[in-house]
All heavy atoms as atom14 arrays in JSON, in Angstrom:
{
  "sequence": "RALFIVGLLVVNDGAEVLVLSFLLSILQKEWNLTNSEIGLMGSTNFIG",
  "atom14_mask": [
    [1, 1, 1, 1, 1, 1, 1, 1, 1, 1, 1, 0, 0, 0],
    [1, 1, 1, 1, 1, 0, 0, 0, 0, 0, 0, 0, 0, 0],
    [1, 1, 1, 1, 1, 1, 1, 1, 0, 0, 0, 0, 0, 0],
    [1, 1, 1, 1, 1, 1, 1, 1, 1, 1, 1, 0, 0, 0],
    [1, 1, 1, 1, 1, 1, 1, 1, 0, 0, 0, 0, 0, 0],
    [1, 1, 1, 1, 1, 1, 1, 0, 0, 0, 0, 0, 0, 0],
    [1, 1, 1, 1, 0, 0, 0, 0, 0, 0, 0, 0, 0, 0],
    [1, 1, 1, 1, 1, 1, 1, 1, 0, 0, 0, 0, 0, 0],
    [1, 1, 1, 1, 1, 1, 1, 1, 0, 0, 0, 0, 0, 0],
    [1, 1, 1, 1, 1, 1, 1, 0, 0, 0, 0, 0, 0, 0],
    [1, 1, 1, 1, 1, 1, 1, 0, 0, 0, 0, 0, 0, 0],
    [1, 1, 1, 1, 1, 1, 1, 1, 0, 0, 0, 0, 0, 0],
    [1, 1, 1, 1, 1, 1, 1, 1, 0, 0, 0, 0, 0, 0],
    [1, 1, 1, 1, 0, 0, 0, 0, 0, 0, 0, 0, 0, 0],
    [1, 1, 1, 1, 1, 0, 0, 0, 0, 0, 0, 0, 0, 0],
    [1, 1, 1, 1, 1, 1, 1, 1, 1, 0, 0, 0, 0, 0],
    [1, 1, 1, 1, 1, 1, 1, 0, 0, 0, 0, 0, 0, 0],
    [1, 1, 1, 1, 1, 1, 1, 1, 0, 0, 0, 0, 0, 0],
    [1, 1, 1, 1, 1, 1, 1, 0, 0, 0, 0, 0, 0, 0],
    [1, 1, 1, 1, 1, 1, 1, 1, 0, 0, 0, 0, 0, 0],
    [1, 1, 1, 1, 1, 1, 0, 0, 0, 0, 0, 0, 0, 0],
    [1, 1, 1, 1, 1, 1, 1, 1, 1, 1, 1, 0, 0, 0],
    [1, 1, 1, 1, 1, 1, 1, 1, 0, 0, 0, 0, 0, 0],
    [1, 1, 1, 1, 1, 1, 1, 1, 0, 0, 0, 0, 0, 0],
    [1, 1, 1, 1, 1, 1, 0, 0, 0, 0, 0, 0, 0, 0],
    [1, 1, 1, 1, 1, 1, 1, 1, 0, 0, 0, 0, 0, 0],
    [1, 1, 1, 1, 1, 1, 1, 1, 0, 0, 0, 0, 0, 0],
    [1, 1, 1, 1, 1, 1, 1, 1, 1, 0, 0, 0, 0, 0],
    [1, 1, 1, 1, 1, 1, 1, 1, 1, 0, 0, 0, 0, 0],
    [1, 1, 1, 1, 1, 1, 1, 1, 1, 0, 0, 0, 0, 0],
    [1, 1, 1, 1, 1, 1, 1, 1, 1, 1, 1, 1, 1, 1],
    [1, 1, 1, 1, 1, 1, 1, 1, 0, 0, 0, 0, 0, 0],
    [1, 1, 1, 1, 1, 1, 1, 1, 0, 0, 0, 0, 0, 0],
    [1, 1, 1, 1, 1, 1, 1, 0, 0, 0, 0, 0, 0, 0],
    [1, 1, 1, 1, 1, 1, 1, 1, 0, 0, 0, 0, 0, 0],
    [1, 1, 1, 1, 1, 1, 0, 0, 0, 0, 0, 0, 0, 0],
    [1, 1, 1, 1, 1, 1, 1, 1, 1, 0, 0, 0, 0, 0],
    [1, 1, 1, 1, 1, 1, 1, 1, 0, 0, 0, 0, 0, 0],
    [1, 1, 1, 1, 0, 0, 0, 0, 0, 0, 0, 0, 0, 0],
    [1, 1, 1, 1, 1, 1, 1, 1, 0, 0, 0, 0, 0, 0],
    [1, 1, 1, 1, 1, 1, 1, 1, 0, 0, 0, 0, 0, 0],
    [1, 1, 1, 1, 0, 0, 0, 0, 0, 0, 0, 0, 0, 0],
    [1, 1, 1, 1, 1, 1, 0, 0, 0, 0, 0, 0, 0, 0],
    [1, 1, 1, 1, 1, 1, 1, 0, 0, 0, 0, 0, 0, 0],
    [1, 1, 1, 1, 1, 1, 1, 1, 0, 0, 0, 0, 0, 0],
    [1, 1, 1, 1, 1, 1, 1, 1, 1, 1, 1, 0, 0, 0],
    [1, 1, 1, 1, 1, 1, 1, 1, 0, 0, 0, 0, 0, 0],
    [1, 1, 1, 1, 0, 0, 0, 0, 0, 0, 0, 0, 0, 0]
  ],
  "atom14_positions": [
    [[174.74, 64.35, 138.75], [175.64, 65.43, 138.33], [175.36, 65.83, 136.88], [175.35, 67.03, 136.55], [177.09, 65.0, 138.51], [178.11, 66.09, 138.2], [179.49, 65.73, 138.74], [179.96, 64.46, 138.25], [180.14, 63.38, 139.0], [179.89, 63.43, 140.29], [180.58, 62.25, 138.47], [0.0, 0.0, 0.0], [0.0, 0.0, 0.0], [0.0, 0.0, 0.0]],
    [[175.13, 64.84, 136.04], [174.83, 65.14, 134.63], [173.53, 65.92, 134.51], [173.43, 66.87, 133.72], [174.75, 63.84, 133.84], [0.0, 0.0, 0.0], [0.0, 0.0, 0.0], [0.0, 0.0, 0.0], [0.0, 0.0, 0.0], [0.0, 0.0, 0.0], [0.0, 0.0, 0.0], [0.0, 0.0, 0.0], [0.0, 0.0, 0.0], [0.0, 0.0, 0.0]],
    [[172.52, 65.54, 135.29], [171.24, 66.25, 135.25], [171.41, 67.7, 135.68], [170.84, 68.61, 135.06], [170.23, 65.55, 136.16], [168.87, 66.23, 136.32], [168.16, 66.35, 134.98], [168.0, 65.48, 137.33], [0.0, 0.0, 0.0], [0.0, 0.0, 0.0], [0.0, 0.0, 0.0], [0.0, 0.0, 0.0], [0.0, 0.0, 0.0], [0.0, 0.0, 0.0]],
    [[172.2, 67.94, 136.7], [172.4, 69.31, 137.18], [173.15, 70.15, 136.15], [172.78, 71.29, 135.87], [173.19, 69.29, 138.49], [173.53, 70.67, 139.01], [172.56, 71.47, 139.58], [174.83, 71.16, 138.89], [172.87, 72.74, 140.04], [175.15, 72.43, 139.36], [174.16, 73.22, 139.93], [0.0, 0.0, 0.0], [0.0, 0.0, 0.0], [0.0, 0.0, 0.0]],
    [[174.2, 69.58, 135.55], [175.01, 70.34, 134.6], [174.22, 70.69, 133.35], [174.18, 71.85, 132.92], [176.28, 69.55, 134.24], [177.2, 69.45, 135.47], [177.02, 70.23, 133.09], [178.4, 68.56, 135.27], [0.0, 0.0, 0.0], [0.0, 0.0, 0.0], [0.0, 0.0, 0.0], [0.0, 0.0, 0.0], [0.0, 0.0, 0.0], [0.0, 0.0, 0.0]],
    [[173.55, 69.7, 132.76], [172.78, 70.0, 131.55], [171.55, 70.84, 131.91], [171.04, 71.59, 131.07], [172.36, 68.71, 130.82], [173.57, 67.92, 130.38], [171.42, 67.86, 131.66], [0.0, 0.0, 0.0], [0.0, 0.0, 0.0], [0.0, 0.0, 0.0], [0.0, 0.0, 0.0], [0.0, 0.0, 0.0], [0.0, 0.0, 0.0], [0.0, 0.0, 0.0]],
    [[171.11, 70.73, 133.17], [169.98, 71.56, 133.61], [170.3, 73.04, 133.56], [169.43, 73.86, 133.27], [0.0, 0.0, 0.0], [0.0, 0.0, 0.0], [0.0, 0.0, 0.0], [0.0, 0.0, 0.0], [0.0, 0.0, 0.0], [0.0, 0.0, 0.0], [0.0, 0.0, 0.0], [0.0, 0.0, 0.0], [0.0, 0.0, 0.0], [0.0, 0.0, 0.0]],
    [[171.56, 73.39, 133.81], [171.97, 74.79, 133.73], [171.85, 75.31, 132.29], [171.48, 76.47, 132.07], [173.4, 74.96, 134.23], [173.61, 74.74, 135.73], [175.09, 74.86, 136.08], [172.8, 75.74, 136.54], [0.0, 0.0, 0.0], [0.0, 0.0, 0.0], [0.0, 0.0, 0.0], [0.0, 0.0, 0.0], [0.0, 0.0, 0.0], [0.0, 0.0, 0.0]],
    [[172.14, 74.45, 131.33], [171.95, 74.84, 129.93], [170.47, 75.07, 129.63], [170.11, 75.98, 128.89], [172.49, 73.75, 129.0], [173.93, 73.86, 128.54], [174.26, 72.75, 127.56], [174.21, 75.2, 127.9], [0.0, 0.0, 0.0], [0.0, 0.0, 0.0], [0.0, 0.0, 0.0], [0.0, 0.0, 0.0], [0.0, 0.0, 0.0], [0.0, 0.0, 0.0]],
    [[169.62, 74.23, 130.21], [168.18, 74.38, 129.98], [167.68, 75.65, 130.66], [166.79, 76.33, 130.14], [167.42, 73.15, 130.5], [165.92, 73.29, 130.24], [167.92, 71.87, 129.82], [0.0, 0.0, 0.0], [0.0, 0.0, 0.0], [0.0, 0.0, 0.0], [0.0, 0.0, 0.0], [0.0, 0.0, 0.0], [0.0, 0.0, 0.0], [0.0, 0.0, 0.0]],
    [[168.24, 76.01, 131.81], [167.9, 77.27, 132.46], [168.22, 78.43, 131.53], [167.42, 79.36, 131.35], [168.66, 77.42, 133.8], [168.53, 78.84, 134.33], [168.12, 76.43, 134.82], [0.0, 0.0, 0.0], [0.0, 0.0, 0.0], [0.0, 0.0, 0.0], [0.0, 0.0, 0.0], [0.0, 0.0, 0.0], [0.0, 0.0, 0.0], [0.0, 0.0, 0.0]],
    [[169.42, 78.4, 130.95], [169.81, 79.44, 130.0], [168.87, 79.48, 128.8], [168.49, 80.55, 128.32], [171.25, 79.19, 129.54], [171.67, 80.11, 128.42], [171.84, 79.67, 127.29], [171.84, 81.38, 128.72], [0.0, 0.0, 0.0], [0.0, 0.0, 0.0], [0.0, 0.0, 0.0], [0.0, 0.0, 0.0], [0.0, 0.0, 0.0], [0.0, 0.0, 0.0]],
    [[168.46, 78.32, 128.34], [167.56, 78.22, 127.19], [166.22, 78.89, 127.49], [165.72, 79.72, 126.72], [167.35, 76.75, 126.83], [166.66, 76.57, 125.49], [166.44, 77.58, 124.8], [166.35, 75.43, 125.12], [0.0, 0.0, 0.0], [0.0, 0.0, 0.0], [0.0, 0.0, 0.0], [0.0, 0.0, 0.0], [0.0, 0.0, 0.0], [0.0, 0.0, 0.0]],
    [[165.63, 78.54, 128.62], [164.35, 79.13, 128.99], [164.43, 80.63, 129.19], [163.52, 81.37, 128.8], [0.0, 0.0, 0.0], [0.0, 0.0, 0.0], [0.0, 0.0, 0.0], [0.0, 0.0, 0.0], [0.0, 0.0, 0.0], [0.0, 0.0, 0.0], [0.0, 0.0, 0.0], [0.0, 0.0, 0.0], [0.0, 0.0, 0.0], [0.0, 0.0, 0.0]],
    [[165.54, 81.08, 129.77], [165.72, 82.51, 129.99], [165.87, 83.26, 128.68], [165.29, 84.33, 128.48], [166.93, 82.75, 130.89], [0.0, 0.0, 0.0], [0.0, 0.0, 0.0], [0.0, 0.0, 0.0], [0.0, 0.0, 0.0], [0.0, 0.0, 0.0], [0.0, 0.0, 0.0], [0.0, 0.0, 0.0], [0.0, 0.0, 0.0], [0.0, 0.0, 0.0]],
    [[166.65, 82.7, 127.75], [166.91, 83.37, 126.48], [165.64, 83.5, 125.64], [165.42, 84.51, 124.98], [167.97, 82.61, 125.69], [169.36, 82.62, 126.29], [170.1, 83.93, 126.04], [169.55, 84.79, 125.33], [171.2, 84.09, 126.56], [0.0, 0.0, 0.0], [0.0, 0.0, 0.0], [0.0, 0.0, 0.0], [0.0, 0.0, 0.0], [0.0, 0.0, 0.0]],
    [[164.8, 82.49, 125.66], [163.56, 82.54, 124.89], [162.65, 83.66, 125.4], [162.05, 84.41, 124.61], [162.84, 81.18, 124.94], [161.43, 81.29, 124.36], [163.64, 80.13, 124.18], [0.0, 0.0, 0.0], [0.0, 0.0, 0.0], [0.0, 0.0, 0.0], [0.0, 0.0, 0.0], [0.0, 0.0, 0.0], [0.0, 0.0, 0.0], [0.0, 0.0, 0.0]],
    [[162.54, 83.78, 126.72], [161.68, 84.83, 127.28], [162.27, 86.21, 127.02], [161.53, 87.15, 126.7], [161.51, 84.6, 128.79], [160.58, 85.58, 129.5], [159.16, 85.46, 128.96], [160.59, 85.32, 131.02], [0.0, 0.0, 0.0], [0.0, 0.0, 0.0], [0.0, 0.0, 0.0], [0.0, 0.0, 0.0], [0.0, 0.0, 0.0], [0.0, 0.0, 0.0]],
    [[163.58, 86.34, 127.15], [164.23, 87.63, 126.97], [164.1, 88.14, 125.54], [164.03, 89.35, 125.3], [165.72, 87.52, 127.39], [166.54, 88.68, 126.84], [165.83, 87.48, 128.91], [0.0, 0.0, 0.0], [0.0, 0.0, 0.0], [0.0, 0.0, 0.0], [0.0, 0.0, 0.0], [0.0, 0.0, 0.0], [0.0, 0.0, 0.0], [0.0, 0.0, 0.0]],
    [[164.05, 87.22, 124.58], [163.98, 87.63, 123.18], [162.77, 88.5, 122.9], [162.85, 89.46, 122.13], [163.96, 86.39, 122.27], [163.92, 86.67, 120.77], [165.17, 87.43, 120.33], [163.78, 85.37, 119.98], [0.0, 0.0, 0.0], [0.0, 0.0, 0.0], [0.0, 0.0, 0.0], [0.0, 0.0, 0.0], [0.0, 0.0, 0.0], [0.0, 0.0, 0.0]],
    [[161.65, 88.2, 123.54], [160.44, 89.0, 123.32], [160.63, 90.44, 123.82], [160.18, 91.4, 123.17], [159.24, 88.35, 124.01], [159.46, 88.23, 125.4], [0.0, 0.0, 0.0], [0.0, 0.0, 0.0], [0.0, 0.0, 0.0], [0.0, 0.0, 0.0], [0.0, 0.0, 0.0], [0.0, 0.0, 0.0], [0.0, 0.0, 0.0], [0.0, 0.0, 0.0]],
    [[161.3, 90.6, 124.96], [161.61, 91.95, 125.47], [162.63, 92.64, 124.56], [162.53, 93.84, 124.29], [162.15, 91.87, 126.88], [161.13, 91.47, 127.9], [161.09, 90.19, 128.41], [160.2, 92.39, 128.38], [160.15, 89.82, 129.35], [159.25, 92.04, 129.32], [159.23, 90.74, 129.81], [0.0, 0.0, 0.0], [0.0, 0.0, 0.0], [0.0, 0.0, 0.0]],
    [[163.62, 91.87, 124.1], [164.69, 92.43, 123.3], [164.17, 93.05, 122.01], [164.57, 94.15, 121.63], [165.72, 91.35, 123.0], [166.95, 91.75, 122.17], [167.77, 92.79, 122.93], [167.8, 90.53, 121.84], [0.0, 0.0, 0.0], [0.0, 0.0, 0.0], [0.0, 0.0, 0.0], [0.0, 0.0, 0.0], [0.0, 0.0, 0.0], [0.0, 0.0, 0.0]],
    [[163.26, 92.36, 121.35], [162.72, 92.87, 120.09], [161.96, 94.18, 120.29], [162.08, 95.11, 119.48], [161.82, 91.82, 119.44], [162.53, 90.55, 118.94], [161.51, 89.57, 118.38], [163.59, 90.88, 117.91], [0.0, 0.0, 0.0], [0.0, 0.0, 0.0], [0.0, 0.0, 0.0], [0.0, 0.0, 0.0], [0.0, 0.0, 0.0], [0.0, 0.0, 0.0]],
    [[161.21, 94.26, 121.37], [160.45, 95.49, 121.65], [161.37, 96.66, 121.93], [161.14, 97.78, 121.46], [159.51, 95.26, 122.84], [158.57, 94.25, 122.56], [0.0, 0.0, 0.0], [0.0, 0.0, 0.0], [0.0, 0.0, 0.0], [0.0, 0.0, 0.0], [0.0, 0.0, 0.0], [0.0, 0.0, 0.0], [0.0, 0.0, 0.0], [0.0, 0.0, 0.0]],
    [[162.44, 96.4, 122.69], [163.38, 97.47, 123.04], [164.15, 97.94, 121.82], [164.3, 99.14, 121.57], [164.34, 96.99, 124.13], [163.58, 96.71, 125.44], [165.45, 98.01, 124.38], [164.42, 96.08, 126.51], [0.0, 0.0, 0.0], [0.0, 0.0, 0.0], [0.0, 0.0, 0.0], [0.0, 0.0, 0.0], [0.0, 0.0, 0.0], [0.0, 0.0, 0.0]],
    [[164.65, 96.98, 121.03], [165.47, 97.34, 119.87], [164.64, 98.03, 118.78], [165.17, 98.87, 118.04], [166.15, 96.1, 119.3], [167.23, 95.47, 120.19], [167.85, 94.28, 119.51], [168.29, 96.49, 120.57], [0.0, 0.0, 0.0], [0.0, 0.0, 0.0], [0.0, 0.0, 0.0], [0.0, 0.0, 0.0], [0.0, 0.0, 0.0], [0.0, 0.0, 0.0]],
    [[163.39, 97.68, 118.67], [162.55, 98.36, 117.69], [162.47, 99.85, 117.97], [162.46, 100.68, 117.05], [161.15, 97.74, 117.68], [160.25, 98.31, 116.58], [158.93, 97.57, 116.48], [158.45, 96.97, 117.45], [158.32, 97.58, 115.3], [0.0, 0.0, 0.0], [0.0, 0.0, 0.0], [0.0, 0.0, 0.0], [0.0, 0.0, 0.0], [0.0, 0.0, 0.0]],
    [[162.48, 100.18, 119.25], [162.42, 101.59, 119.65], [163.8, 102.23, 119.66], [163.99, 103.34, 119.16], [161.77, 101.7, 121.04], [161.65, 103.11, 121.56], [160.96, 103.12, 122.92], [160.83, 104.54, 123.46], [160.16, 104.56, 124.79], [0.0, 0.0, 0.0], [0.0, 0.0, 0.0], [0.0, 0.0, 0.0], [0.0, 0.0, 0.0], [0.0, 0.0, 0.0]],
    [[164.8, 101.52, 120.18], [166.14, 102.09, 120.33], [166.89, 102.19, 119.01], [167.62, 103.15, 118.77], [166.94, 101.24, 121.33], [168.31, 101.81, 121.67], [168.99, 101.04, 122.79], [168.29, 100.63, 123.74], [170.22, 100.86, 122.71], [0.0, 0.0, 0.0], [0.0, 0.0, 0.0], [0.0, 0.0, 0.0], [0.0, 0.0, 0.0], [0.0, 0.0, 0.0]],
    [[166.74, 101.21, 118.14], [167.44, 101.18, 116.86], [166.54, 101.57, 115.69], [166.96, 101.49, 114.54], [168.04, 99.8, 116.62], [169.23, 99.5, 117.47], [169.84, 100.32, 118.37], [169.97, 98.27, 117.49], [170.9, 99.7, 118.96], [171.01, 98.43, 118.45], [169.86, 97.06, 116.83], [171.93, 97.42, 118.72], [170.77, 96.05, 117.1], [171.79, 96.23, 118.04]],
    [[165.32, 101.96, 115.99], [164.35, 102.35, 114.96], [164.17, 101.27, 113.89], [164.21, 101.51, 112.69], [164.79, 103.66, 114.28], [164.83, 104.83, 115.25], [163.91, 104.99, 116.05], [165.87, 105.63, 115.18], [0.0, 0.0, 0.0], [0.0, 0.0, 0.0], [0.0, 0.0, 0.0], [0.0, 0.0, 0.0], [0.0, 0.0, 0.0], [0.0, 0.0, 0.0]],
    [[163.96, 100.05, 114.36], [163.79, 98.93, 113.44], [162.38, 98.93, 112.85], [161.41, 99.34, 113.5], [164.03, 97.61, 114.18], [165.41, 97.42, 114.83], [165.49, 96.05, 115.49], [166.52, 97.59, 113.8], [0.0, 0.0, 0.0], [0.0, 0.0, 0.0], [0.0, 0.0, 0.0], [0.0, 0.0, 0.0], [0.0, 0.0, 0.0], [0.0, 0.0, 0.0]],
    [[162.28, 98.47, 111.63], [160.98, 98.34, 110.98], [160.33, 97.02, 111.38], [160.98, 96.13, 111.93], [161.13, 98.39, 109.45], [161.88, 97.24, 109.03], [161.87, 99.65, 109.02], [0.0, 0.0, 0.0], [0.0, 0.0, 0.0], [0.0, 0.0, 0.0], [0.0, 0.0, 0.0], [0.0, 0.0, 0.0], [0.0, 0.0, 0.0], [0.0, 0.0, 0.0]],
    [[159.05, 96.9, 111.09], [158.35, 95.65, 111.37], [158.95, 94.49, 110.58], [158.99, 93.34, 111.06], [156.86, 95.79, 111.06], [156.14, 96.71, 112.03], [156.55, 96.84, 113.18], [155.08, 97.36, 111.57], [0.0, 0.0, 0.0], [0.0, 0.0, 0.0], [0.0, 0.0, 0.0], [0.0, 0.0, 0.0], [0.0, 0.0, 0.0], [0.0, 0.0, 0.0]],
    [[159.43, 94.78, 109.38], [160.06, 93.74, 108.56], [161.34, 93.23, 109.2], [161.62, 92.02, 109.19], [160.36, 94.29, 107.16], [159.18, 94.65, 106.49], [0.0, 0.0, 0.0], [0.0, 0.0, 0.0], [0.0, 0.0, 0.0], [0.0, 0.0, 0.0], [0.0, 0.0, 0.0], [0.0, 0.0, 0.0], [0.0, 0.0, 0.0], [0.0, 0.0, 0.0]],
    [[162.13, 94.13, 109.77], [163.37, 93.72, 110.44], [163.08, 92.92, 111.7], [163.77, 91.94, 112.0], [164.2, 94.96, 110.77], [164.82, 95.62, 109.54], [165.49, 96.92, 109.87], [164.98, 97.67, 110.74], [166.53, 97.24, 109.24], [0.0, 0.0, 0.0], [0.0, 0.0, 0.0], [0.0, 0.0, 0.0], [0.0, 0.0, 0.0], [0.0, 0.0, 0.0]],
    [[162.05, 93.3, 112.42], [161.66, 92.54, 113.61], [161.2, 91.14, 113.2], [161.56, 90.14, 113.83], [160.54, 93.27, 114.37], [161.06, 94.57, 114.98], [159.96, 92.37, 115.46], [162.13, 94.37, 116.03], [0.0, 0.0, 0.0], [0.0, 0.0, 0.0], [0.0, 0.0, 0.0], [0.0, 0.0, 0.0], [0.0, 0.0, 0.0], [0.0, 0.0, 0.0]],
    [[160.43, 91.08, 112.13], [159.98, 89.78, 111.64], [161.13, 88.92, 111.16], [161.14, 87.7, 111.37], [0.0, 0.0, 0.0], [0.0, 0.0, 0.0], [0.0, 0.0, 0.0], [0.0, 0.0, 0.0], [0.0, 0.0, 0.0], [0.0, 0.0, 0.0], [0.0, 0.0, 0.0], [0.0, 0.0, 0.0], [0.0, 0.0, 0.0], [0.0, 0.0, 0.0]],
    [[162.12, 89.55, 110.52], [163.29, 88.83, 110.05], [164.08, 88.25, 111.21], [164.57, 87.11, 111.13], [164.18, 89.77, 109.23], [165.46, 89.16, 108.64], [165.12, 88.03, 107.67], [166.28, 90.24, 107.94], [0.0, 0.0, 0.0], [0.0, 0.0, 0.0], [0.0, 0.0, 0.0], [0.0, 0.0, 0.0], [0.0, 0.0, 0.0], [0.0, 0.0, 0.0]],
    [[164.21, 89.01, 112.29], [164.91, 88.52, 113.47], [164.25, 87.27, 114.03], [164.91, 86.26, 114.34], [164.95, 89.61, 114.54], [165.59, 89.19, 115.86], [167.39, 89.09, 115.81], [167.81, 90.82, 115.83], [0.0, 0.0, 0.0], [0.0, 0.0, 0.0], [0.0, 0.0, 0.0], [0.0, 0.0, 0.0], [0.0, 0.0, 0.0], [0.0, 0.0, 0.0]],
    [[162.93, 87.31, 114.13], [162.21, 86.14, 114.64], [162.31, 84.96, 113.71], [162.49, 83.81, 114.15], [0.0, 0.0, 0.0], [0.0, 0.0, 0.0], [0.0, 0.0, 0.0], [0.0, 0.0, 0.0], [0.0, 0.0, 0.0], [0.0, 0.0, 0.0], [0.0, 0.0, 0.0], [0.0, 0.0, 0.0], [0.0, 0.0, 0.0], [0.0, 0.0, 0.0]],
    [[162.23, 85.19, 112.41], [162.26, 84.11, 111.43], [163.61, 83.42, 111.38], [163.69, 82.19, 111.35], [161.91, 84.66, 110.04], [160.61, 85.21, 110.02], [0.0, 0.0, 0.0], [0.0, 0.0, 0.0], [0.0, 0.0, 0.0], [0.0, 0.0, 0.0], [0.0, 0.0, 0.0], [0.0, 0.0, 0.0], [0.0, 0.0, 0.0], [0.0, 0.0, 0.0]],
    [[164.69, 84.21, 111.36], [166.02, 83.6, 111.28], [166.37, 82.82, 112.54], [167.12, 81.85, 112.47], [167.1, 84.68, 111.04], [166.99, 85.7, 112.05], [166.94, 85.3, 109.67], [0.0, 0.0, 0.0], [0.0, 0.0, 0.0], [0.0, 0.0, 0.0], [0.0, 0.0, 0.0], [0.0, 0.0, 0.0], [0.0, 0.0, 0.0], [0.0, 0.0, 0.0]],
    [[165.8, 83.21, 113.66], [166.0, 82.43, 114.88], [165.44, 81.03, 114.73], [166.06, 80.04, 115.11], [165.35, 83.14, 116.07], [166.27, 84.12, 116.76], [166.81, 83.85, 117.82], [166.48, 85.27, 116.14], [0.0, 0.0, 0.0], [0.0, 0.0, 0.0], [0.0, 0.0, 0.0], [0.0, 0.0, 0.0], [0.0, 0.0, 0.0], [0.0, 0.0, 0.0]],
    [[164.25, 80.93, 114.15], [163.64, 79.62, 113.95], [164.37, 78.83, 112.85], [164.47, 77.6, 112.93], [162.16, 79.77, 113.59], [161.29, 80.12, 114.76], [160.74, 81.38, 114.88], [161.05, 79.19, 115.76], [159.94, 81.71, 115.98], [160.26, 79.5, 116.85], [159.7, 80.77, 116.97], [0.0, 0.0, 0.0], [0.0, 0.0, 0.0], [0.0, 0.0, 0.0]],
    [[164.87, 79.52, 111.84], [165.63, 78.85, 110.78], [166.91, 78.25, 111.36], [167.29, 77.12, 111.05], [165.95, 79.83, 109.65], [164.66, 80.21, 108.91], [166.96, 79.23, 108.67], [164.85, 81.31, 107.88], [0.0, 0.0, 0.0], [0.0, 0.0, 0.0], [0.0, 0.0, 0.0], [0.0, 0.0, 0.0], [0.0, 0.0, 0.0], [0.0, 0.0, 0.0]],
    [[167.59, 79.02, 112.21], [168.79, 78.5, 112.87], [168.49, 77.27, 113.71], [169.25, 76.29, 113.68], [0.0, 0.0, 0.0], [0.0, 0.0, 0.0], [0.0, 0.0, 0.0], [0.0, 0.0, 0.0], [0.0, 0.0, 0.0], [0.0, 0.0, 0.0], [0.0, 0.0, 0.0], [0.0, 0.0, 0.0], [0.0, 0.0, 0.0], [0.0, 0.0, 0.0]]
  ]
}
């Protein structure tokens, strides 16, 4: 039961990491983000 429950968190983790790459591409176009802002988003994620 513990493996299944924490496994759902790991599923969310794997999904969120993959989605982030799509998210940055979309927001760069939709919100007119600069390359510096995109880089900042990626950097602060790793800092967190």
